[in-house]
């Protein structure tokens, strides 16, 4: 990544905010802080362990195997506020409708953008493209970029934390934000425990090519094995998230492409057309993970480091981005009032903004998984009737759509 305007890393002695993690969440936070950097001279450092390629201006080469994220309309608006959405939209596929159904039952719910007067319910954007757009913006900001670097030591002090990095840098930060997805082990080193509820499920993800245009439709199909999600990508491609019982994914990963597509067709049905091609397949275990502490004096936890959700409702990154917005709002108020950015008054304000939204999204996504995971004849009929009823009752359906879009919390 080109970063001509960044501060020389060895000149950093003290910073106001240190962001541990330069991925999508950490980079979004750094970009959101741009107005505060300009108005208040806020000193910000970003620490990222993975090497970054200096590819900001290289020609974009889409990959059939690229991972993507679902971006709710509310999240797109947040990127618009940062001035980043026009660039992100260049590679985004619109979600104009969401089709929810259960295999073997007649009930169907359709959420339509036009019912809400919107052009889209959300979008699907390649993660690599989002990262490129965010890092281009970071290259324009006067911040200290430490990459590749990891945190070797983190020690609490009277006014924040002292960080010692693998690149030799050492500095004190008034506020340290953990936005590293929980992969670095910093939470554990700081004694922050997490509650983990395993789902005994594994998500198998891949991109697939369809026999017909998807026309912007996202599918959520509940089956006895687990939910199957299809998200629209450019052309006739779709992103697949296929939930399996733990231990059952191995056989499918080992199948040849033709046999895999045949299994997928039998499980999903013909609503989206025929599955013609599949890309690289990957699998990861699913669990509901929630950090027991989101704040401490001089410390905040964001993104997957704070909460990891089942992908069934596609709300993980959108929830994280709202956390970014709420943290920036709390920091802006603190700076206006002359308060410390890492003080507990500031951080309690941040947590108060987050607690209801986080609780509602966790309860919604977890409840959805458990409701459709119960194999019971009477309950299956009740679920089908509920889907039919939801499709018939406009206000309820529109309320669900607004929540899915991130326009209501």
Protein backbone atom coordinates (compact mmCIF):
# COMPACT_ATOMS: atom_id res chain seq x y z
CA UNK A 1 0.00 0.00 0.00
CA UNK A 2 1.26 3.44 -0.87
CA UNK A 3 1.23 5.74 2.17
CA UNK A 4 3.25 8.79 1.25
CA UNK A 5 1.53 11.06 3.75
CA UNK A 6 1.78 8.70 6.73
CA UNK A 7 4.00 9.72 9.63
CA UNK A 8 7.40 7.97 9.71
CA UNK A 9 6.85 5.05 12.05
CA UNK A 10 9.85 5.74 14.25
CA UNK A 11 8.64 9.30 14.95
CA UNK A 12 5.59 7.98 16.80
CA UNK A 13 6.07 8.38 20.55
CA UNK A 14 2.50 8.95 21.70
CA UNK A 15 -0.75 8.64 19.80
CA UNK A 16 -4.32 9.39 20.71
CA UNK A 17 -5.70 6.21 19.14
CA UNK A 18 -3.98 2.96 18.19
CA UNK A 19 -6.05 0.64 15.96
CA UNK A 20 -4.87 -2.97 16.13
CA UNK A 21 -5.98 -4.49 12.84
CA UNK A 22 -5.97 -2.89 9.39
CA UNK A 23 -8.58 -5.17 7.83
CA UNK A 24 -12.08 -4.07 6.82
CA UNK A 25 -13.20 -3.03 10.31
CA UNK A 26 -9.97 -1.38 11.43
CA UNK A 27 -9.52 0.41 8.11
CA UNK A 28 -13.15 1.60 8.20
CA UNK A 29 -12.54 3.05 11.65
CA UNK A 30 -9.37 4.83 10.53
CA UNK A 31 -11.17 6.31 7.50
CA UNK A 32 -14.12 7.38 9.70
CA UNK A 33 -11.71 9.28 11.94
CA UNK A 34 -10.57 11.52 9.05
CA UNK A 35 -12.74 14.51 10.08
CA UNK A 36 -11.47 14.28 13.68
CA UNK A 37 -7.88 14.02 12.48
CA UNK A 38 -8.40 17.20 10.46
CA UNK A 39 -10.36 19.21 13.06
CA UNK A 40 -8.58 18.15 16.24
CA UNK A 41 -5.17 17.03 15.04
CA UNK A 42 -5.96 13.55 16.30
CA UNK A 43 -2.91 11.28 16.16
CA UNK A 44 -3.79 7.80 14.92
CA UNK A 45 -1.70 4.66 14.40
CA UNK A 46 -2.85 1.52 12.56
CA UNK A 47 -1.11 -1.81 13.20
CA UNK A 48 -1.64 -4.65 10.71
CA UNK A 49 0.13 -8.01 10.83
CA UNK A 50 -0.53 -9.14 7.25
CA UNK A 51 1.72 -7.65 4.55
CA UNK A 52 -0.05 -5.25 2.23
CA UNK A 53 0.63 -5.24 -1.48
CA UNK A 54 1.25 -1.85 -3.07
CA UNK A 55 -1.61 -2.41 -5.50
CA UNK A 56 -3.77 0.65 -4.99
CA UNK A 57 -3.30 1.79 -8.59
CA UNK A 58 -2.81 -1.60 -10.26
CA UNK A 59 -5.52 -2.74 -12.71
CA UNK A 60 -8.35 -4.53 -10.94
CA UNK A 61 -8.55 -8.21 -11.82
CA UNK A 62 -11.75 -9.84 -10.53
CA UNK A 63 -11.35 -13.41 -9.31
CA UNK A 64 -14.06 -16.06 -9.52
CA UNK A 65 -12.87 -17.29 -6.12
CA UNK A 66 -12.86 -13.91 -4.35
CA UNK A 67 -14.56 -13.70 -0.95
CA UNK A 68 -17.34 -11.12 -0.69
CA UNK A 69 -19.40 -9.40 2.01
CA UNK A 70 -23.05 -8.42 2.14
CA UNK A 71 -23.34 -4.67 2.69
CA UNK A 72 -26.70 -3.48 4.02
CA UNK A 73 -28.15 -0.24 2.69
CA UNK A 74 -27.40 1.42 6.02
CA UNK A 75 -23.74 0.38 5.74
CA UNK A 76 -23.58 1.71 2.18
CA UNK A 77 -24.85 5.03 3.55
CA UNK A 78 -22.03 5.06 6.10
CA UNK A 79 -19.51 4.56 3.31
CA UNK A 80 -21.24 7.39 1.41
CA UNK A 81 -20.72 9.61 4.44
CA UNK A 82 -17.00 8.77 4.26
CA UNK A 83 -16.98 9.61 0.55
CA UNK A 84 -16.02 6.03 -0.32
CA UNK A 85 -19.19 4.51 -1.75
CA UNK A 86 -18.83 5.69 -5.37
CA UNK A 87 -15.55 3.76 -5.62
CA UNK A 88 -16.91 0.70 -3.78
CA UNK A 89 -20.02 0.65 -5.96
CA UNK A 90 -17.86 0.10 -9.06
CA UNK A 91 -17.59 -3.60 -8.14
CA UNK A 92 -20.82 -4.01 -6.13
CA UNK A 93 -23.78 -6.20 -7.07
CA UNK A 94 -27.16 -4.88 -5.90
CA UNK A 95 -29.61 -6.92 -3.82
CA UNK A 96 -33.05 -5.86 -5.03
CA UNK A 97 -34.99 -8.65 -3.32
CA UNK A 98 -34.48 -11.29 -0.64
CA UNK A 99 -36.24 -14.63 -1.05
CA UNK A 100 -36.67 -16.68 2.17
CA UNK A 101 -38.02 -20.23 2.03
CA UNK A 102 -37.86 -23.66 3.64
CA UNK A 103 -37.08 -26.78 1.63
CA UNK A 104 -40.14 -29.06 1.35
CA UNK A 105 -42.59 -26.37 2.58
CA UNK A 106 -44.76 -23.94 0.64
CA UNK A 107 -44.13 -20.88 2.76
CA UNK A 108 -42.10 -18.09 1.17
CA UNK A 109 -41.27 -14.53 2.20
CA UNK A 110 -40.03 -11.94 -0.26
CA UNK A 111 -38.45 -8.68 0.86
CA UNK A 112 -38.52 -6.10 -1.95
CA UNK A 113 -36.49 -2.91 -2.22
CA UNK A 114 -39.22 -1.17 -4.19
CA UNK A 115 -41.66 -1.57 -1.28
CA UNK A 116 -39.40 0.69 0.74
CA UNK A 117 -38.76 3.16 -2.04
CA UNK A 118 -35.15 2.00 -2.27
CA UNK A 119 -33.11 1.04 -5.30
CA UNK A 120 -31.52 -1.83 -3.34
CA UNK A 121 -31.84 -3.63 -0.02
CA UNK A 122 -28.08 -3.95 0.06
CA UNK A 123 -25.06 -4.90 -1.98
CA UNK A 124 -22.43 -7.62 -2.29
CA UNK A 125 -18.87 -6.33 -2.62
CA UNK A 126 -15.62 -8.32 -3.00
CA UNK A 127 -13.59 -8.02 0.20
CA UNK A 128 -10.42 -7.34 -1.76
CA UNK A 129 -12.06 -4.41 -3.54
CA UNK A 130 -13.40 -2.96 -0.29
CA UNK A 131 -9.92 -3.25 1.19
CA UNK A 132 -8.38 -1.52 -1.81
CA UNK A 133 -10.80 1.42 -1.58
CA UNK A 134 -10.28 1.77 2.18
CA UNK A 135 -6.49 1.59 1.91
CA UNK A 136 -6.44 4.18 -0.86
CA UNK A 137 -8.16 6.53 1.56
CA UNK A 138 -5.79 5.64 4.39
CA UNK A 139 -2.87 6.54 2.14
CA UNK A 140 -4.21 10.11 2.03
CA UNK A 141 -4.43 10.53 5.81
CA UNK A 142 -1.65 11.75 8.12
CA UNK A 143 -1.54 8.63 10.27
CA UNK A 144 1.17 6.19 11.31
CA UNK A 145 0.90 2.91 9.41
CA UNK A 146 2.74 -0.08 10.88
CA UNK A 147 2.58 -2.94 8.40
CA UNK A 148 3.54 -5.69 8.61
CA UNK A 149 3.75 -5.46 12.38
CA UNK A 150 2.16 -7.14 15.37
CA UNK A 151 1.83 -6.17 19.02
CA UNK A 152 4.54 -7.93 21.01
CA UNK A 153 3.64 -6.32 24.33
CA UNK A 154 0.66 -4.35 25.58
CA UNK A 155 0.74 -2.88 29.08
CA UNK A 156 -1.85 -0.70 30.84
CA UNK A 157 -0.69 2.70 32.04
CA UNK A 158 -2.32 5.58 33.88
CA UNK A 159 -3.60 7.15 30.67
CA UNK A 160 -4.00 4.30 28.24
CA UNK A 161 -1.74 1.48 27.08
CA UNK A 162 1.90 1.17 26.08
CA UNK A 163 2.38 -0.89 22.93
CA UNK A 164 5.60 -2.50 21.77
CA UNK A 165 5.50 -3.67 18.16
CA UNK A 166 7.41 -6.31 16.24
CA UNK A 167 8.83 -3.58 13.95
CA UNK A 168 10.66 -2.01 16.90
CA UNK A 169 8.18 0.82 17.53
CA UNK A 170 7.04 1.62 21.04
CA UNK A 171 4.44 4.20 22.00
CA UNK A 172 1.70 5.09 24.44
CA UNK A 173 -1.91 5.26 23.18
CA UNK A 174 -4.72 7.09 24.92
CA UNK A 175 -7.18 4.62 23.36
CA UNK A 176 -6.33 1.22 21.93
CA UNK A 177 -8.96 -0.39 19.70
CA UNK A 178 -8.82 -4.14 19.14
CA UNK A 179 -10.15 -4.67 15.60
CA UNK A 180 -8.07 -7.68 14.64
CA UNK A 181 -10.88 -10.23 14.50
CA UNK A 182 -9.63 -11.78 17.71
CA UNK A 183 -6.88 -13.61 15.81
CA UNK A 184 -3.87 -12.05 17.55
CA UNK A 185 -4.57 -13.43 21.02
CA UNK A 186 -4.46 -9.91 22.51
CA UNK A 187 -7.86 -10.36 24.15
CA UNK A 188 -6.63 -13.45 25.95
CA UNK A 189 -3.36 -11.77 26.94
CA UNK A 190 -5.37 -8.95 28.46
CA UNK A 191 -7.60 -11.40 30.32
CA UNK A 192 -10.75 -10.62 28.32
CA UNK A 193 -12.82 -13.80 28.24
CA UNK A 194 -15.45 -14.64 25.65
CA UNK A 195 -18.65 -16.63 25.85
CA UNK A 196 -18.76 -19.19 23.06
CA UNK A 197 -21.81 -21.20 22.05
CA UNK A 198 -20.90 -23.68 19.30
CA UNK A 199 -23.59 -24.42 16.73
CA UNK A 200 -22.07 -27.79 15.81
CA UNK A 201 -22.19 -26.51 12.26
CA UNK A 202 -19.65 -25.68 9.58
CA UNK A 203 -20.10 -23.09 6.81
CA UNK A 204 -18.95 -24.23 3.38
CA UNK A 205 -18.36 -21.21 1.16
CA UNK A 206 -17.67 -20.89 -2.55
CA UNK A 207 -18.74 -18.90 -5.60
CA UNK A 208 -21.05 -20.55 -8.12
CA UNK A 209 -22.21 -19.73 -11.62
CA UNK A 210 -25.90 -20.02 -12.50
CA UNK A 211 -27.70 -20.94 -15.70
CA UNK A 212 -29.84 -17.80 -15.58
CA UNK A 213 -29.53 -14.17 -14.40
CA UNK A 214 -30.20 -13.76 -10.68
CA UNK A 215 -31.72 -10.28 -11.23
CA UNK A 216 -30.41 -9.06 -7.90
CA UNK A 217 -32.14 -11.75 -5.82
CA UNK A 218 -30.54 -13.06 -2.63
CA UNK A 219 -31.80 -16.43 -1.42
CA UNK A 220 -32.04 -17.80 2.11
CA UNK A 221 -33.12 -21.45 1.89
CA UNK A 222 -33.60 -23.49 5.08
CA UNK A 223 -33.01 -27.23 4.71
CA UNK A 224 -32.78 -30.16 7.13
CA UNK A 225 -28.98 -30.05 6.83
CA UNK A 226 -28.86 -26.32 7.52
CA UNK A 227 -29.46 -22.99 5.78
CA UNK A 228 -28.17 -22.28 2.28
CA UNK A 229 -27.57 -18.65 1.29
CA UNK A 230 -26.95 -17.39 -2.24
CA UNK A 231 -25.89 -13.78 -2.73
CA UNK A 232 -25.79 -12.03 -6.12
CA UNK A 233 -22.44 -11.23 -7.70
CA UNK A 234 -21.70 -9.56 -11.05
CA UNK A 235 -23.00 -11.43 -14.10
CA UNK A 236 -24.57 -14.80 -13.34
CA UNK A 237 -22.32 -15.57 -10.39
CA UNK A 238 -23.50 -15.96 -6.80
CA UNK A 239 -21.76 -16.36 -3.46
CA UNK A 240 -22.70 -19.61 -1.71
CA UNK A 241 -22.82 -20.16 2.06
CA UNK A 242 -23.91 -23.75 2.72
CA UNK A 243 -24.27 -24.80 6.36
CA UNK A 244 -23.44 -28.39 7.27
CA UNK A 245 -23.55 -30.38 10.47
CA UNK A 246 -20.05 -30.53 11.97
CA UNK A 247 -18.11 -33.37 10.38
CA UNK A 248 -20.33 -33.66 7.32
CA UNK A 249 -18.56 -31.01 5.29
CA UNK A 250 -15.45 -33.10 4.64
CA UNK A 251 -17.13 -35.41 2.18
CA UNK A 252 -18.52 -32.50 0.18
CA UNK A 253 -15.18 -30.72 0.11
CA UNK A 254 -13.67 -33.89 -1.36
CA UNK A 255 -16.26 -34.23 -4.15
CA UNK A 256 -15.44 -33.39 -7.74
CA UNK A 257 -17.11 -30.25 -9.07
CA UNK A 258 -19.84 -32.13 -10.95
CA UNK A 259 -20.88 -34.25 -7.97
CA UNK A 260 -20.74 -31.23 -5.66
CA UNK A 261 -23.01 -29.20 -7.95
CA UNK A 262 -25.44 -32.12 -8.21
CA UNK A 263 -25.63 -32.37 -4.40
CA UNK A 264 -26.16 -28.62 -4.14
CA UNK A 265 -28.92 -28.73 -6.75
CA UNK A 266 -30.75 -31.48 -4.83
CA UNK A 267 -30.44 -29.57 -1.55
CA UNK A 268 -31.39 -26.13 -2.85
CA UNK A 269 -33.86 -26.91 -5.63
CA UNK A 270 -34.42 -25.09 -8.90
CA UNK A 271 -35.61 -21.66 -7.72
CA UNK A 272 -32.40 -19.92 -8.78
CA UNK A 273 -31.85 -22.03 -11.91
CA UNK A 274 -29.18 -24.66 -12.53
CA UNK A 275 -25.76 -24.60 -10.86
CA UNK A 276 -23.19 -24.75 -13.68
CA UNK A 277 -19.80 -24.03 -12.08
CA UNK A 278 -18.20 -23.86 -8.64
CA UNK A 279 -14.99 -22.20 -7.53
CA UNK A 280 -12.64 -22.98 -4.66
CA UNK A 281 -14.42 -24.35 -1.61
CA UNK A 282 -13.54 -23.45 1.97
CA UNK A 283 -15.08 -24.35 5.32
CA UNK A 284 -15.02 -22.88 8.83
CA UNK A 285 -16.77 -23.84 12.09
CA UNK A 286 -19.66 -21.73 13.32
CA UNK A 287 -20.22 -20.45 16.83
CA UNK A 288 -21.76 -17.49 18.59
CA UNK A 289 -18.81 -15.75 20.29
CA UNK A 290 -19.26 -12.67 22.46
CA UNK A 291 -16.52 -10.89 24.40
CA UNK A 292 -17.47 -10.42 28.03
CA UNK A 293 -15.89 -6.96 28.01
CA UNK A 294 -16.25 -4.50 25.15
CA UNK A 295 -14.57 -1.63 27.00
CA UNK A 296 -11.95 -0.97 29.64
CA UNK A 297 -10.19 2.28 30.54
CA UNK A 298 -8.19 3.09 27.42
CA UNK A 299 -9.50 0.07 25.49
CA UNK A 300 -12.37 -0.77 23.11
CA UNK A 301 -13.13 -4.01 21.26
CA UNK A 302 -14.71 -3.95 17.78
CA UNK A 303 -15.84 -6.32 15.04
CA UNK A 304 -15.28 -10.07 15.26
CA UNK A 305 -13.03 -9.49 18.27
CA UNK A 306 -16.20 -8.35 20.08
CA UNK A 307 -18.80 -10.64 18.49
CA UNK A 308 -18.82 -13.40 15.91
CA UNK A 309 -22.23 -14.35 14.51
CA UNK A 310 -23.73 -17.10 12.40
CA UNK A 311 -23.70 -15.90 8.76
CA UNK A 312 -27.34 -16.89 8.20
CA UNK A 313 -28.61 -13.30 8.47
CA UNK A 314 -25.55 -11.64 6.89
CA UNK A 315 -25.27 -9.12 9.73
CA UNK A 316 -21.71 -9.58 11.04
CA UNK A 317 -19.86 -6.86 9.12
CA UNK A 318 -22.86 -4.53 9.19
CA UNK A 319 -23.05 -4.81 12.98
CA UNK A 320 -19.31 -4.11 13.17
CA UNK A 321 -19.61 -1.05 10.94
CA UNK A 322 -22.35 0.39 13.15
CA UNK A 323 -19.94 -0.13 16.04
CA UNK A 324 -17.38 1.94 14.13
CA UNK A 325 -19.95 4.71 13.64
CA UNK A 326 -20.94 4.71 17.32
CA UNK A 327 -17.33 4.81 18.50
CA UNK A 328 -16.57 7.78 16.25
CA UNK A 329 -19.69 9.57 17.52
CA UNK A 330 -18.60 9.02 21.14
CA UNK A 331 -15.09 10.24 20.35
CA UNK A 332 -16.41 13.33 18.58
CA UNK A 333 -18.52 14.24 21.60
CA UNK A 334 -15.59 13.65 23.94
CA UNK A 335 -13.27 15.88 21.92
CA UNK A 336 -15.91 18.63 21.74
CA UNK A 337 -16.24 18.50 25.54
CA UNK A 338 -12.52 18.30 26.22
CA UNK A 339 -12.71 14.75 27.57
CA UNK A 340 -10.09 12.02 27.18
CA UNK A 341 -10.69 9.77 24.17
CA UNK A 342 -9.80 6.73 26.27
CA UNK A 343 -11.61 7.84 29.42
CA UNK A 344 -14.46 5.76 30.80
CA UNK A 345 -16.95 8.59 30.25
CA UNK A 346 -16.22 8.34 26.52
CA UNK A 347 -16.22 4.56 26.45
CA UNK A 348 -19.42 4.22 28.48
CA UNK A 349 -21.08 6.53 25.97
CA UNK A 350 -19.85 4.23 23.19
CA UNK A 351 -21.13 1.11 24.98
CA UNK A 352 -24.52 2.73 25.67
CA UNK A 353 -24.89 3.41 21.94
CA UNK A 354 -24.02 -0.23 21.12
CA UNK A 355 -25.74 -2.39 23.70
CA UNK A 356 -29.30 -2.49 22.30
CA UNK A 357 -28.23 -2.92 18.67
CA UNK A 358 -25.78 -5.69 19.54
CA UNK A 359 -28.33 -7.51 21.70
CA UNK A 360 -31.05 -7.31 19.04
CA UNK A 361 -28.83 -8.56 16.20
CA UNK A 362 -27.34 -11.40 18.25
CA UNK A 363 -30.81 -12.47 19.41
CA UNK A 364 -32.24 -12.25 15.89
CA UNK A 365 -29.46 -14.22 14.13
CA UNK A 366 -29.16 -16.82 16.89
CA UNK A 367 -32.94 -17.24 17.09
CA UNK A 368 -33.22 -17.70 13.35
CA UNK A 369 -30.61 -20.47 13.37
CA UNK A 370 -32.28 -22.29 16.25
CA UNK A 371 -35.85 -21.89 14.97
CA UNK A 372 -35.08 -23.39 11.57
CA UNK A 373 -32.69 -25.95 13.03
CA UNK A 374 -35.42 -27.87 14.87
CA UNK A 375 -36.60 -30.89 12.84
CA UNK A 376 -40.18 -31.22 14.05
CA UNK A 377 -43.21 -31.78 11.82
CA UNK A 378 -45.63 -29.49 13.67
CA UNK A 379 -43.04 -26.73 14.02
CA UNK A 380 -42.14 -27.06 10.34
CA UNK A 381 -45.77 -26.44 9.39
CA UNK A 382 -45.90 -23.49 11.80
CA UNK A 383 -42.75 -22.03 10.23
CA UNK A 384 -44.24 -22.42 6.77
CA UNK A 385 -47.45 -20.72 7.88
CA UNK A 386 -45.37 -17.96 9.42
CA UNK A 387 -43.48 -17.37 6.18
CA UNK A 388 -46.77 -17.24 4.25
CA UNK A 389 -48.27 -14.86 6.81
CA UNK A 390 -45.21 -12.62 6.80
CA UNK A 391 -45.39 -12.42 3.01
CA UNK A 392 -49.05 -11.38 3.21
CA UNK A 393 -48.71 -8.78 5.98
CA UNK A 394 -47.00 -5.77 4.43
CA UNK A 395 -46.03 -3.79 7.57
CA UNK A 396 -44.36 -6.81 9.20
CA UNK A 397 -42.48 -7.65 6.04
CA UNK A 398 -41.39 -4.05 5.55
CA UNK A 399 -40.22 -3.88 9.18
CA UNK A 400 -38.09 -6.99 8.66
CA UNK A 401 -36.69 -5.50 5.46
CA UNK A 402 -35.75 -2.23 7.18
CA UNK A 403 -33.94 -4.18 9.91
CA UNK A 404 -32.11 -6.29 7.31
CA UNK A 405 -31.09 -3.07 5.55
CA UNK A 406 -29.62 -1.62 8.74
CA UNK A 407 -32.05 1.30 8.63
CA UNK A 408 -33.55 0.35 12.02
CA UNK A 409 -31.86 -1.06 15.11
